[in-house]
N, C-alpha and C. Protein backbone atom coordinates (compact mmCIF):
# COMPACT_ATOMS: atom_id res chain seq x y z
N UNK A 1 -11.22 -3.10 2.97
CA UNK A 1 -11.64 -1.89 1.93
C UNK A 1 -10.40 -1.84 1.07
N UNK A 2 -11.28 -1.58 -0.15
CA UNK A 2 -10.48 -1.08 -1.61
C UNK A 2 -9.78 -0.06 -1.44
N UNK A 3 -8.34 -0.19 -1.94
CA UNK A 3 -8.00 1.16 -2.45
C UNK A 3 -8.41 1.94 -3.73
N UNK A 4 -8.58 2.77 -3.27
CA UNK A 4 -9.59 4.17 -3.71
C UNK A 4 -8.46 4.73 -4.83
N UNK A 5 -7.18 4.79 -5.26
CA UNK A 5 -6.16 4.99 -6.33
C UNK A 5 -5.34 4.15 -6.52
N UNK A 6 -4.54 4.18 -7.51
CA UNK A 6 -3.60 2.92 -7.97
C UNK A 6 -2.65 3.37 -7.23
N UNK A 7 -2.02 4.73 -6.93
CA UNK A 7 -0.91 5.39 -6.15
C UNK A 7 -1.09 4.26 -4.47
N UNK A 8 -2.60 4.69 -4.01
CA UNK A 8 -2.98 4.04 -2.64
C UNK A 8 -2.29 2.50 -2.70
N UNK A 9 -2.90 1.69 -3.62
CA UNK A 9 -2.76 -0.05 -4.06
C UNK A 9 -1.20 -0.39 -3.81
N UNK A 10 -0.50 0.71 -5.00
CA UNK A 10 1.06 0.59 -4.63
C UNK A 10 1.78 0.82 -3.49
N UNK A 11 1.21 1.84 -2.55
CA UNK A 11 1.67 2.32 -1.57
C UNK A 11 1.95 0.72 -0.39
N UNK A 12 0.80 0.78 -0.43
CA UNK A 12 0.18 -0.66 0.22
C UNK A 12 0.85 -1.68 -0.32
N UNK A 13 1.57 -2.15 -1.22
CA UNK A 13 1.76 -3.14 -1.70
C UNK A 13 3.37 -3.43 -1.14
N UNK A 14 3.96 -2.44 -1.39
CA UNK A 14 5.47 -1.89 -1.06
C UNK A 14 4.88 -2.08 0.70
N UNK A 15 4.53 -1.37 1.35
CA UNK A 15 4.21 -1.67 2.85
C UNK A 15 4.64 -2.87 3.50
N UNK A 16 3.14 -4.00 2.43
CA UNK A 16 2.93 -5.57 2.85
C UNK A 16 4.45 -6.05 2.51
N UNK A 17 5.26 -5.95 1.84
CA UNK A 17 6.61 -6.45 1.10
C UNK A 17 7.50 -5.92 2.20
N UNK A 18 7.58 -5.10 2.75
CA UNK A 18 8.59 -4.46 3.72
C UNK A 18 8.10 -5.22 4.82
N UNK A 19 6.73 -5.64 5.14
CA UNK A 19 6.59 -6.18 6.76
C UNK A 19 6.43 -7.87 6.26
N UNK A 20 6.61 -8.37 5.22
CA UNK A 20 6.57 -10.03 5.24
C UNK A 20 8.00 -10.09 4.93
N UNK A 21 9.16 -8.96 4.88
CA UNK A 21 10.79 -8.81 5.34
C UNK A 21 11.36 -9.31 3.52
N UNK A 22 10.18 -8.78 2.61
CA UNK A 22 11.10 -8.67 1.37
C UNK A 22 11.79 -7.70 0.81
N UNK A 23 11.47 -6.88 1.22
CA UNK A 23 12.26 -5.52 1.46
C UNK A 23 12.32 -4.96 2.57
N UNK A 24 13.55 -3.89 2.64
CA UNK A 24 14.40 -3.44 4.10
C UNK A 24 12.98 -2.46 4.50
N UNK A 25 12.70 -2.05 5.58
CA UNK A 25 11.69 -1.26 6.08
C UNK A 25 12.30 0.10 5.63
N UNK A 26 13.35 0.30 5.70
CA UNK A 26 13.87 1.62 5.23
C UNK A 26 14.43 2.13 4.21
N UNK A 27 13.96 1.03 3.30
CA UNK A 27 14.07 1.64 1.96
C UNK A 27 12.61 1.97 1.47
N UNK A 28 11.49 2.10 2.21
CA UNK A 28 9.93 2.56 2.08
C UNK A 28 10.04 4.41 2.24
N UNK A 29 9.42 4.99 1.72
CA UNK A 29 9.29 6.47 1.27
C UNK A 29 7.69 6.98 1.64
N UNK A 30 7.38 7.85 2.17
CA UNK A 30 6.22 8.35 2.13
C UNK A 30 5.19 7.52 2.76
N UNK A 31 3.75 7.84 1.75
CA UNK A 31 2.97 7.02 2.46
C UNK A 31 3.37 5.15 3.08
N UNK A 32 3.94 4.75 2.30
CA UNK A 32 4.15 3.57 2.38
C UNK A 32 4.98 3.52 3.98
N UNK A 33 5.70 4.15 4.31
CA UNK A 33 6.29 3.94 5.19
C UNK A 33 5.09 4.18 6.51
N UNK A 34 4.39 4.60 6.43
CA UNK A 34 3.59 5.05 7.52
C UNK A 34 2.63 3.97 7.19
N UNK A 35 2.57 3.52 6.42
CA UNK A 35 1.14 2.34 5.97
C UNK A 35 2.18 1.73 7.36
N UNK A 36 2.91 0.79 6.82
CA UNK A 36 3.93 -0.09 7.19
C UNK A 36 3.81 -0.38 9.21
N UNK A 37 3.95 1.08 9.32
CA UNK A 37 3.86 1.10 10.85
C UNK A 37 2.65 1.36 11.58
N UNK A 38 1.76 1.63 11.13
CA UNK A 38 0.45 1.54 11.44
C UNK A 38 -0.81 0.80 11.11
N UNK A 39 -0.67 -0.26 9.83
CA UNK A 39 -1.35 -0.79 9.55
C UNK A 39 -0.55 -2.53 9.58
N UNK A 40 -2.10 -3.27 9.89
CA UNK A 40 -2.24 -4.85 10.26
C UNK A 40 -1.42 -5.63 8.94
N UNK A 41 -0.77 -6.37 9.08
CA UNK A 41 -0.42 -7.23 7.53
C UNK A 41 -1.81 -7.94 6.91
N UNK A 42 -2.83 -7.92 7.51
CA UNK A 42 -4.60 -8.24 6.58
C UNK A 42 -4.75 -6.89 6.28
N UNK A 43 -4.38 -5.71 6.76
CA UNK A 43 -5.36 -4.42 6.29
C UNK A 43 -4.99 -4.31 4.91
N UNK A 44 -2.92 -4.22 4.70
CA UNK A 44 -2.66 -4.07 3.77
C UNK A 44 -2.73 -4.95 2.83
N UNK A 45 -2.83 -6.44 2.73
CA UNK A 45 -3.02 -7.10 2.14
C UNK A 45 -4.84 -7.24 1.21
N UNK A 46 -5.60 -6.27 2.08
CA UNK A 46 -6.72 -5.74 1.05
C UNK A 46 -6.77 -4.65 0.54
N UNK A 47 -5.98 -3.61 0.96
CA UNK A 47 -5.66 -3.08 -0.19
C UNK A 47 -4.59 -3.28 -1.28
N UNK A 48 -3.86 -3.87 -0.82
CA UNK A 48 -2.57 -4.56 -1.95
C UNK A 48 -3.18 -4.89 -3.08
N UNK A 49 -4.71 -6.25 -2.76
CA UNK A 49 -4.66 -6.95 -3.84
C UNK A 49 -6.24 -6.51 -4.79
N UNK A 50 -6.08 -5.53 -3.94
CA UNK A 50 -7.49 -4.26 -5.27
C UNK A 50 -6.84 -4.49 -6.64
N UNK A 51 -7.90 -4.36 -7.75
CA UNK A 51 -7.50 -4.38 -9.11
C UNK A 51 -7.42 -2.81 -9.34
N UNK A 52 -6.12 -2.46 -9.78
CA UNK A 52 -5.79 -1.01 -10.47
C UNK A 52 -6.69 -1.06 -11.68
N UNK A 53 -7.38 -1.62 -12.45
CA UNK A 53 -8.15 -1.32 -13.66
C UNK A 53 -9.59 -0.44 -12.87
N UNK A 54 -9.13 0.75 -13.47
CA UNK A 54 -10.74 1.65 -13.57
C UNK A 54 -10.32 2.36 -12.28
N UNK A 55 -9.06 2.63 -11.81
CA UNK A 55 -8.87 3.08 -10.51
C UNK A 55 -7.73 4.43 -11.40
N UNK A 56 -8.54 5.91 -10.79
CA UNK A 56 -7.19 6.67 -11.18
C UNK A 56 -6.12 6.92 -10.48
N UNK A 57 -5.07 7.63 -11.13
CA UNK A 57 -3.83 7.26 -10.39
C UNK A 57 -3.67 7.79 -9.10
N UNK A 58 -4.13 8.83 -9.05
CA UNK A 58 -4.42 9.88 -7.51
C UNK A 58 -5.37 10.29 -7.05
N UNK A 59 -6.37 9.85 -6.15
CA UNK A 59 -7.30 10.20 -5.63
C UNK A 59 -7.27 11.84 -5.57
N UNK A 60 -8.57 12.46 -6.82
CA UNK A 60 -8.65 13.95 -6.18
C UNK A 60 -9.71 14.08 -4.72
N UNK A 61 -9.17 15.05 -4.16
CA UNK A 61 -10.34 15.36 -2.48
C UNK A 61 -11.49 16.01 -3.16
């Protein structure tokens, strides 16, 4: 499942880094904190690997 916005891709990247142990889980905030808890490593890898080009900064509802 590809990220729908740049912000979602960045949050997934931060959550993935915490899941891998590259950064402290306590350093996560907002969406990345909940993503780290609720998503698998594979799901986070898919979101984080999405290219940012052509994506909006934030997804409009």
